[in-house]
Amino acid sequence: MTFSTLDLALVEEATKKSGLIWVRGTGPDRALWHAWVDGAAHVLGDGPGEQPFPGLADGGAAEVTVRSKDKGGRLISWTARVTELAPHGEAWEAAVAELKGKRLNAPDSELMTERWARECRLLRLEPVAATTELPDGSLAARPLPTTAITREPAPAALPRLLLKRKKARG
């Protein structure tokens, strides 16, 4: 199914407002931060310290699910054409300008764009078809294995400290 003008407007508005999109290529679903630029969602990653997106390849397709920003539920799903942008091209520069403002906690904010050009991939996810039917059920799955772990357990006194602060304010 191709896009109607209304479907395309819904995809654009919902994707712009959502902080995360769920993307499935040939691998598992991934929650990815993104920026909407020139009619497509752009995701950056696959480099050290950035979000992984295995299964997304240049010229491939992906299924994108957009969630509601306020409630977190699924709003719309759409099929995307995946295109990898070459570093320092016009489209790459425009997307990176938007992504820079959305990248939280970057270790090297001044040199971030050069690191992205050297070590990361920037993918353009351009909508090509709307999915009118959302799947039934929750689609809940086990979390993917990750190296991101809590280094140490929370201190035993932490709950008492937080409760003390709450009492002092209230």
N, C-alpha and C. Protein backbone atom coordinates (compact mmCIF):
# COMPACT_ATOMS: atom_id res chain seq x y z
N MET A 1 0.84 -1.18 0.00
CA MET A 1 0.00 0.00 0.00
C MET A 1 0.89 1.25 0.00
N THR A 2 0.58 2.19 -0.84
CA THR A 2 1.35 3.44 -0.89
C THR A 2 0.71 4.47 0.02
N PHE A 3 1.39 5.59 0.15
CA PHE A 3 0.93 6.63 1.05
C PHE A 3 -0.11 7.54 0.41
N SER A 4 -1.12 7.86 1.20
CA SER A 4 -1.99 8.96 0.83
C SER A 4 -1.38 10.20 1.48
N THR A 5 -1.83 11.37 1.10
CA THR A 5 -1.32 12.61 1.69
C THR A 5 -1.56 12.63 3.19
N LEU A 6 -2.72 12.15 3.62
CA LEU A 6 -3.05 12.11 5.04
C LEU A 6 -2.13 11.15 5.80
N ASP A 7 -1.88 9.96 5.22
CA ASP A 7 -0.98 8.99 5.85
C ASP A 7 0.42 9.57 6.01
N LEU A 8 0.92 10.22 4.97
CA LEU A 8 2.26 10.79 5.01
C LEU A 8 2.35 11.90 6.06
N ALA A 9 1.30 12.71 6.17
CA ALA A 9 1.28 13.77 7.19
C ALA A 9 1.27 13.16 8.59
N LEU A 10 0.52 12.08 8.79
CA LEU A 10 0.48 11.41 10.08
C LEU A 10 1.85 10.82 10.43
N VAL A 11 2.48 10.15 9.46
CA VAL A 11 3.81 9.57 9.67
C VAL A 11 4.80 10.66 10.06
N GLU A 12 4.80 11.75 9.32
CA GLU A 12 5.75 12.83 9.59
C GLU A 12 5.52 13.45 10.97
N GLU A 13 4.30 13.79 11.28
CA GLU A 13 4.01 14.46 12.55
C GLU A 13 4.28 13.54 13.74
N ALA A 14 3.84 12.29 13.65
CA ALA A 14 4.06 11.35 14.75
C ALA A 14 5.55 11.07 14.95
N THR A 15 6.28 10.92 13.87
CA THR A 15 7.71 10.61 13.97
C THR A 15 8.49 11.81 14.49
N LYS A 16 8.14 13.00 14.06
CA LYS A 16 8.82 14.21 14.56
C LYS A 16 8.65 14.35 16.07
N LYS A 17 7.45 14.05 16.58
CA LYS A 17 7.15 14.27 17.99
C LYS A 17 7.66 13.16 18.89
N SER A 18 7.90 12.00 18.34
CA SER A 18 8.34 10.88 19.16
C SER A 18 9.86 10.93 19.37
N GLY A 19 10.30 10.72 20.58
CA GLY A 19 11.73 10.72 20.87
C GLY A 19 12.42 9.46 20.38
N LEU A 20 11.68 8.35 20.33
CA LEU A 20 12.21 7.07 19.87
C LEU A 20 11.30 6.48 18.83
N ILE A 21 11.91 5.73 17.93
CA ILE A 21 11.14 4.92 16.99
C ILE A 21 11.65 3.49 17.12
N TRP A 22 10.78 2.54 16.90
CA TRP A 22 11.18 1.13 16.90
C TRP A 22 11.41 0.72 15.46
N VAL A 23 12.60 0.18 15.19
CA VAL A 23 12.99 -0.14 13.83
C VAL A 23 13.39 -1.61 13.74
N ARG A 24 12.86 -2.32 12.74
CA ARG A 24 13.22 -3.71 12.49
C ARG A 24 13.70 -3.85 11.06
N GLY A 25 14.94 -4.26 10.90
CA GLY A 25 15.48 -4.60 9.58
C GLY A 25 15.44 -6.10 9.46
N THR A 26 16.61 -6.72 9.24
CA THR A 26 16.68 -8.18 9.21
C THR A 26 17.00 -8.72 10.59
N GLY A 27 17.31 -7.85 11.54
CA GLY A 27 17.62 -8.26 12.90
C GLY A 27 16.45 -7.97 13.83
N PRO A 28 16.71 -7.96 15.13
CA PRO A 28 15.65 -7.69 16.10
C PRO A 28 15.22 -6.22 16.09
N ASP A 29 14.03 -5.96 16.64
CA ASP A 29 13.55 -4.58 16.78
C ASP A 29 14.51 -3.81 17.69
N ARG A 30 14.75 -2.55 17.36
CA ARG A 30 15.59 -1.68 18.17
C ARG A 30 14.87 -0.36 18.38
N ALA A 31 14.97 0.17 19.59
CA ALA A 31 14.48 1.51 19.86
C ALA A 31 15.62 2.47 19.52
N LEU A 32 15.40 3.39 18.60
CA LEU A 32 16.46 4.28 18.13
C LEU A 32 16.03 5.74 18.27
N TRP A 33 16.96 6.59 18.73
CA TRP A 33 16.71 8.03 18.70
C TRP A 33 16.99 8.49 17.28
N HIS A 34 16.35 9.55 16.89
CA HIS A 34 16.37 9.94 15.48
C HIS A 34 16.09 11.43 15.33
N ALA A 35 16.17 11.89 14.11
CA ALA A 35 15.73 13.24 13.75
C ALA A 35 14.99 13.14 12.42
N TRP A 36 13.93 13.90 12.27
CA TRP A 36 13.17 13.94 11.02
C TRP A 36 13.71 15.10 10.20
N VAL A 37 14.29 14.81 9.04
CA VAL A 37 14.87 15.83 8.18
C VAL A 37 14.50 15.52 6.72
N ASP A 38 14.01 16.52 6.01
CA ASP A 38 13.70 16.39 4.58
C ASP A 38 12.87 15.16 4.24
N GLY A 39 11.81 14.93 4.99
CA GLY A 39 10.87 13.87 4.64
C GLY A 39 11.28 12.47 5.03
N ALA A 40 12.23 12.30 5.95
CA ALA A 40 12.66 10.97 6.37
C ALA A 40 13.23 11.02 7.78
N ALA A 41 13.17 9.88 8.45
CA ALA A 41 13.81 9.74 9.77
C ALA A 41 15.28 9.40 9.53
N HIS A 42 16.16 10.01 10.30
CA HIS A 42 17.59 9.75 10.19
C HIS A 42 18.08 9.20 11.52
N VAL A 43 18.80 8.08 11.48
CA VAL A 43 19.36 7.47 12.68
C VAL A 43 20.86 7.36 12.51
N LEU A 44 21.56 7.57 13.60
CA LEU A 44 23.01 7.53 13.58
C LEU A 44 23.50 6.51 14.60
N GLY A 45 24.48 5.71 14.22
CA GLY A 45 25.00 4.73 15.17
C GLY A 45 26.00 3.79 14.55
N ASP A 46 26.05 2.58 15.13
CA ASP A 46 26.98 1.52 14.74
C ASP A 46 28.44 1.92 14.92
N GLY A 47 28.70 2.84 15.81
CA GLY A 47 30.06 3.24 16.13
C GLY A 47 30.28 3.12 17.62
N PRO A 48 31.51 3.26 18.08
CA PRO A 48 31.79 3.17 19.51
C PRO A 48 31.01 4.22 20.31
N GLY A 49 30.28 3.76 21.32
CA GLY A 49 29.52 4.65 22.18
C GLY A 49 28.21 5.14 21.59
N GLU A 50 27.83 4.65 20.43
CA GLU A 50 26.58 5.07 19.79
C GLU A 50 25.63 3.88 19.70
N GLN A 51 24.38 4.14 19.34
CA GLN A 51 23.36 3.09 19.30
C GLN A 51 23.66 2.08 18.19
N PRO A 52 23.50 0.79 18.48
CA PRO A 52 23.69 -0.22 17.44
C PRO A 52 22.41 -0.40 16.64
N PHE A 53 22.56 -0.68 15.35
CA PHE A 53 21.39 -1.06 14.56
C PHE A 53 21.75 -2.15 13.56
N PRO A 54 22.02 -3.36 14.08
CA PRO A 54 22.32 -4.48 13.19
C PRO A 54 21.09 -4.83 12.36
N GLY A 55 21.31 -5.29 11.17
CA GLY A 55 20.21 -5.68 10.30
C GLY A 55 19.68 -4.57 9.43
N LEU A 56 20.24 -3.36 9.55
CA LEU A 56 19.84 -2.26 8.67
C LEU A 56 20.98 -2.04 7.67
N ALA A 57 20.68 -2.18 6.41
CA ALA A 57 21.71 -2.06 5.39
C ALA A 57 21.25 -1.12 4.28
N ASP A 58 22.23 -0.47 3.66
CA ASP A 58 21.96 0.43 2.54
C ASP A 58 21.21 -0.33 1.45
N GLY A 59 20.12 0.24 0.99
CA GLY A 59 19.32 -0.39 -0.07
C GLY A 59 18.28 -1.36 0.46
N GLY A 60 18.29 -1.63 1.75
CA GLY A 60 17.33 -2.56 2.33
C GLY A 60 16.03 -1.88 2.71
N ALA A 61 15.22 -2.63 3.42
CA ALA A 61 13.94 -2.10 3.91
C ALA A 61 13.88 -2.29 5.41
N ALA A 62 13.05 -1.51 6.05
CA ALA A 62 12.87 -1.61 7.50
C ALA A 62 11.42 -1.32 7.83
N GLU A 63 10.95 -1.91 8.91
CA GLU A 63 9.62 -1.64 9.42
C GLU A 63 9.79 -0.70 10.62
N VAL A 64 9.15 0.46 10.57
CA VAL A 64 9.28 1.47 11.62
C VAL A 64 7.95 1.59 12.35
N THR A 65 8.00 1.53 13.67
CA THR A 65 6.81 1.72 14.50
C THR A 65 7.03 2.96 15.35
N VAL A 66 6.08 3.86 15.31
CA VAL A 66 6.18 5.13 16.04
C VAL A 66 5.26 5.05 17.24
N ARG A 67 5.79 5.48 18.38
CA ARG A 67 5.01 5.46 19.61
C ARG A 67 4.51 6.85 19.95
N SER A 68 3.49 6.89 20.76
CA SER A 68 2.95 8.15 21.25
C SER A 68 3.91 8.72 22.29
N LYS A 69 4.20 10.00 22.19
CA LYS A 69 5.12 10.63 23.13
C LYS A 69 4.53 10.68 24.54
N ASP A 70 3.23 10.91 24.65
CA ASP A 70 2.65 11.04 25.98
C ASP A 70 2.27 9.71 26.62
N LYS A 71 1.75 8.77 25.89
CA LYS A 71 1.30 7.50 26.47
C LYS A 71 2.25 6.34 26.19
N GLY A 72 3.08 6.45 25.15
CA GLY A 72 4.03 5.38 24.84
C GLY A 72 3.46 4.26 23.99
N GLY A 73 2.18 4.31 23.64
CA GLY A 73 1.57 3.26 22.82
C GLY A 73 1.87 3.45 21.34
N ARG A 74 1.66 2.41 20.56
CA ARG A 74 1.91 2.47 19.12
C ARG A 74 0.90 3.40 18.44
N LEU A 75 1.41 4.27 17.56
CA LEU A 75 0.53 5.16 16.80
C LEU A 75 0.38 4.69 15.37
N ILE A 76 1.51 4.43 14.73
CA ILE A 76 1.50 4.06 13.32
C ILE A 76 2.76 3.28 13.00
N SER A 77 2.65 2.40 12.03
CA SER A 77 3.81 1.67 11.50
C SER A 77 3.93 1.97 10.03
N TRP A 78 5.17 2.01 9.55
CA TRP A 78 5.39 2.27 8.14
C TRP A 78 6.65 1.55 7.67
N THR A 79 6.68 1.28 6.38
CA THR A 79 7.82 0.62 5.77
C THR A 79 8.74 1.70 5.23
N ALA A 80 10.04 1.51 5.46
CA ALA A 80 11.03 2.51 5.05
C ALA A 80 12.05 1.90 4.09
N ARG A 81 12.51 2.75 3.18
CA ARG A 81 13.65 2.42 2.33
C ARG A 81 14.88 2.95 3.06
N VAL A 82 15.88 2.09 3.27
CA VAL A 82 17.08 2.46 4.02
C VAL A 82 18.17 2.90 3.05
N THR A 83 18.71 4.09 3.29
CA THR A 83 19.81 4.62 2.49
C THR A 83 20.90 5.11 3.43
N GLU A 84 22.13 4.68 3.21
CA GLU A 84 23.24 5.16 4.01
C GLU A 84 23.80 6.43 3.36
N LEU A 85 23.94 7.48 4.15
CA LEU A 85 24.43 8.76 3.64
C LEU A 85 25.95 8.82 3.78
N ALA A 86 26.61 9.32 2.73
CA ALA A 86 28.07 9.46 2.75
C ALA A 86 28.46 10.64 3.64
N PRO A 87 29.49 10.47 4.47
CA PRO A 87 29.92 11.56 5.35
C PRO A 87 30.27 12.84 4.58
N HIS A 88 29.88 13.95 5.16
CA HIS A 88 30.15 15.31 4.68
C HIS A 88 29.44 15.69 3.39
N GLY A 89 28.50 14.88 2.94
CA GLY A 89 27.67 15.28 1.81
C GLY A 89 26.63 16.28 2.29
N GLU A 90 25.93 16.88 1.36
CA GLU A 90 24.93 17.91 1.71
C GLU A 90 23.83 17.33 2.60
N ALA A 91 23.30 16.16 2.23
CA ALA A 91 22.24 15.53 3.03
C ALA A 91 22.76 15.10 4.40
N TRP A 92 24.00 14.60 4.44
CA TRP A 92 24.63 14.17 5.69
C TRP A 92 24.77 15.36 6.64
N GLU A 93 25.26 16.48 6.14
CA GLU A 93 25.46 17.68 6.96
C GLU A 93 24.13 18.19 7.52
N ALA A 94 23.07 18.19 6.71
CA ALA A 94 21.76 18.65 7.17
C ALA A 94 21.22 17.75 8.28
N ALA A 95 21.36 16.44 8.11
CA ALA A 95 20.87 15.49 9.12
C ALA A 95 21.68 15.59 10.41
N VAL A 96 22.99 15.70 10.28
CA VAL A 96 23.86 15.78 11.46
C VAL A 96 23.59 17.06 12.25
N ALA A 97 23.27 18.13 11.57
CA ALA A 97 22.94 19.39 12.27
C ALA A 97 21.73 19.19 13.19
N GLU A 98 20.74 18.43 12.73
CA GLU A 98 19.57 18.15 13.57
C GLU A 98 19.90 17.14 14.66
N LEU A 99 20.67 16.12 14.32
CA LEU A 99 20.98 15.06 15.28
C LEU A 99 21.86 15.56 16.43
N LYS A 100 22.72 16.53 16.16
CA LYS A 100 23.61 17.06 17.20
C LYS A 100 22.83 17.56 18.40
N GLY A 101 21.73 18.23 18.15
CA GLY A 101 20.92 18.77 19.23
C GLY A 101 20.17 17.71 20.00
N LYS A 102 20.01 16.53 19.42
CA LYS A 102 19.25 15.47 20.07
C LYS A 102 20.14 14.45 20.77
N ARG A 103 21.44 14.50 20.52
CA ARG A 103 22.37 13.53 21.13
C ARG A 103 22.63 13.94 22.57
N LEU A 104 22.18 13.12 23.49
CA LEU A 104 22.35 13.40 24.91
C LEU A 104 23.61 12.75 25.45
N ASN A 105 24.27 13.42 26.36
CA ASN A 105 25.42 12.88 27.08
C ASN A 105 26.57 12.44 26.18
N ALA A 106 26.85 13.18 25.15
CA ALA A 106 27.97 12.85 24.28
C ALA A 106 29.28 13.13 25.01
N PRO A 107 30.24 12.21 24.94
CA PRO A 107 31.51 12.41 25.65
C PRO A 107 32.38 13.49 25.03
N ASP A 108 32.15 13.80 23.77
CA ASP A 108 33.02 14.74 23.05
C ASP A 108 32.19 15.68 22.18
N SER A 109 31.39 16.51 22.80
CA SER A 109 30.42 17.31 22.04
C SER A 109 31.06 18.23 21.00
N GLU A 110 32.27 18.72 21.23
CA GLU A 110 32.92 19.61 20.25
C GLU A 110 33.39 18.85 19.02
N LEU A 111 33.85 17.62 19.22
CA LEU A 111 34.41 16.83 18.11
C LEU A 111 33.46 15.75 17.63
N MET A 112 32.23 15.80 18.09
CA MET A 112 31.26 14.75 17.82
C MET A 112 31.04 14.50 16.33
N THR A 113 30.85 15.54 15.54
CA THR A 113 30.53 15.33 14.13
C THR A 113 31.70 14.70 13.37
N GLU A 114 32.91 15.05 13.71
CA GLU A 114 34.07 14.42 13.05
C GLU A 114 34.17 12.94 13.43
N ARG A 115 33.89 12.63 14.69
CA ARG A 115 33.90 11.23 15.13
C ARG A 115 32.80 10.46 14.41
N TRP A 116 31.64 11.08 14.29
CA TRP A 116 30.55 10.42 13.56
C TRP A 116 30.95 10.14 12.12
N ALA A 117 31.61 11.09 11.47
CA ALA A 117 32.02 10.90 10.07
C ALA A 117 33.02 9.75 9.95
N ARG A 118 33.92 9.63 10.92
CA ARG A 118 34.95 8.58 10.87
C ARG A 118 34.44 7.20 11.26
N GLU A 119 33.61 7.15 12.32
CA GLU A 119 33.35 5.87 12.96
C GLU A 119 31.91 5.36 12.88
N CYS A 120 30.96 6.18 12.46
CA CYS A 120 29.55 5.80 12.53
C CYS A 120 28.90 5.76 11.15
N ARG A 121 27.69 5.24 11.14
CA ARG A 121 26.87 5.24 9.93
C ARG A 121 25.65 6.11 10.17
N LEU A 122 25.26 6.85 9.15
CA LEU A 122 24.05 7.67 9.21
C LEU A 122 23.09 7.10 8.17
N LEU A 123 21.93 6.64 8.64
CA LEU A 123 20.96 6.03 7.76
C LEU A 123 19.73 6.91 7.63
N ARG A 124 19.24 7.00 6.41
CA ARG A 124 18.00 7.71 6.10
C ARG A 124 16.91 6.67 5.93
N LEU A 125 15.85 6.78 6.71
CA LEU A 125 14.71 5.87 6.63
C LEU A 125 13.55 6.62 6.00
N GLU A 126 13.39 6.43 4.71
CA GLU A 126 12.39 7.18 3.95
C GLU A 126 11.10 6.37 3.84
N PRO A 127 9.97 6.94 4.27
CA PRO A 127 8.70 6.20 4.20
C PRO A 127 8.32 5.87 2.76
N VAL A 128 7.93 4.60 2.55
CA VAL A 128 7.49 4.20 1.21
C VAL A 128 6.09 3.59 1.23
N ALA A 129 5.65 3.08 2.38
CA ALA A 129 4.32 2.49 2.46
C ALA A 129 3.81 2.54 3.89
N ALA A 130 2.51 2.74 4.02
CA ALA A 130 1.89 2.78 5.34
C ALA A 130 1.36 1.40 5.68
N THR A 131 1.44 1.06 6.94
CA THR A 131 0.84 -0.17 7.44
C THR A 131 -0.45 0.23 8.12
N THR A 132 -1.57 -0.18 7.57
CA THR A 132 -2.84 0.26 8.12
C THR A 132 -3.22 -0.54 9.35
N GLU A 133 -2.83 -1.80 9.42
CA GLU A 133 -3.19 -2.65 10.55
C GLU A 133 -2.02 -2.74 11.52
N LEU A 134 -2.27 -2.38 12.76
CA LEU A 134 -1.26 -2.61 13.79
C LEU A 134 -1.46 -4.03 14.32
N PRO A 135 -0.37 -4.71 14.69
CA PRO A 135 -0.51 -6.09 15.15
C PRO A 135 -1.26 -6.17 16.47
N ASP A 136 -1.94 -7.29 16.67
CA ASP A 136 -2.61 -7.53 17.95
C ASP A 136 -1.57 -7.95 18.98
N GLY A 137 -1.88 -7.73 20.23
CA GLY A 137 -0.97 -8.15 21.29
C GLY A 137 0.08 -7.10 21.59
N SER A 138 0.90 -7.40 22.58
CA SER A 138 1.86 -6.40 23.06
C SER A 138 3.18 -6.40 22.31
N LEU A 139 3.53 -7.49 21.66
CA LEU A 139 4.82 -7.66 20.99
C LEU A 139 5.99 -7.57 21.98
N ALA A 140 5.70 -7.77 23.25
CA ALA A 140 6.76 -7.73 24.27
C ALA A 140 7.76 -8.84 24.00
N ALA A 141 9.03 -8.54 24.23
CA ALA A 141 10.10 -9.51 24.01
C ALA A 141 11.15 -9.33 25.09
N ARG A 142 11.97 -10.35 25.26
CA ARG A 142 13.07 -10.26 26.22
C ARG A 142 14.00 -9.15 25.78
N PRO A 143 14.56 -8.39 26.72
CA PRO A 143 15.54 -7.37 26.37
C PRO A 143 16.75 -8.00 25.67
N LEU A 144 17.32 -7.28 24.73
CA LEU A 144 18.49 -7.76 24.01
C LEU A 144 19.71 -7.72 24.92
N PRO A 145 20.65 -8.64 24.75
CA PRO A 145 21.87 -8.60 25.55
C PRO A 145 22.62 -7.28 25.30
N THR A 146 23.23 -6.75 26.35
CA THR A 146 23.93 -5.47 26.23
C THR A 146 25.11 -5.43 27.18
N THR A 147 26.07 -4.60 26.85
CA THR A 147 27.20 -4.39 27.74
C THR A 147 26.91 -3.25 28.72
N ALA A 148 25.80 -2.56 28.53
CA ALA A 148 25.43 -1.46 29.42
C ALA A 148 24.86 -2.05 30.70
N ILE A 149 25.60 -1.93 31.77
CA ILE A 149 25.18 -2.47 33.05
C ILE A 149 25.43 -1.45 34.15
N THR A 150 24.78 -1.63 35.27
CA THR A 150 25.05 -0.81 36.43
C THR A 150 26.35 -1.31 37.05
N ARG A 151 27.28 -0.43 37.30
CA ARG A 151 28.59 -0.84 37.79
C ARG A 151 28.54 -1.37 39.21
N GLU A 152 27.79 -0.72 40.06
CA GLU A 152 27.75 -1.10 41.47
C GLU A 152 26.30 -1.09 41.94
N PRO A 153 25.99 -1.88 42.97
CA PRO A 153 24.63 -1.81 43.51
C PRO A 153 24.40 -0.46 44.18
N ALA A 154 23.15 -0.07 44.29
CA ALA A 154 22.80 1.19 44.95
C ALA A 154 23.21 1.12 46.41
N PRO A 155 23.73 2.18 46.97
CA PRO A 155 24.11 2.18 48.38
C PRO A 155 22.90 1.89 49.27
N ALA A 156 23.14 1.15 50.34
CA ALA A 156 22.04 0.76 51.24
C ALA A 156 21.35 1.98 51.85
N ALA A 157 22.08 3.07 52.05
CA ALA A 157 21.49 4.25 52.69
C ALA A 157 20.70 5.12 51.72
N LEU A 158 20.75 4.84 50.44
CA LEU A 158 20.08 5.68 49.45
C LEU A 158 18.58 5.85 49.71
N PRO A 159 17.84 4.79 49.97
CA PRO A 159 16.40 5.00 50.23
C PRO A 159 16.15 5.93 51.41
N ARG A 160 16.93 5.82 52.49
CA ARG A 160 16.75 6.69 53.65
C ARG A 160 17.06 8.14 53.28
N LEU A 161 18.12 8.36 52.50
CA LEU A 161 18.48 9.72 52.08
C LEU A 161 17.38 10.35 51.24
N LEU A 162 16.84 9.59 50.32
CA LEU A 162 15.77 10.12 49.46
C LEU A 162 14.52 10.41 50.26
N LEU A 163 14.20 9.53 51.22
CA LEU A 163 13.02 9.74 52.05
C LEU A 163 13.21 10.98 52.92
N LYS A 164 14.41 11.21 53.42
CA LYS A 164 14.72 12.38 54.25
C LYS A 164 14.53 13.66 53.45
N ARG A 165 14.98 13.67 52.19
CA ARG A 165 14.82 14.85 51.32
C ARG A 165 13.35 15.14 51.08
N LYS A 166 12.59 14.08 50.84
CA LYS A 166 11.17 14.23 50.58
C LYS A 166 10.46 14.86 51.78
N LYS A 167 10.82 14.42 52.98
CA LYS A 167 10.21 14.96 54.20
C LYS A 167 10.60 16.42 54.40
N ALA A 168 11.87 16.76 54.09
CA ALA A 168 12.34 18.13 54.25
C ALA A 168 11.60 19.09 53.32
N ARG A 169 11.29 18.64 52.10
CA ARG A 169 10.57 19.49 51.14
C ARG A 169 9.09 19.57 51.47
N GLY A 170 8.52 18.47 51.93
CA GLY A 170 7.08 18.40 52.16
C GLY A 170 6.71 18.93 53.47
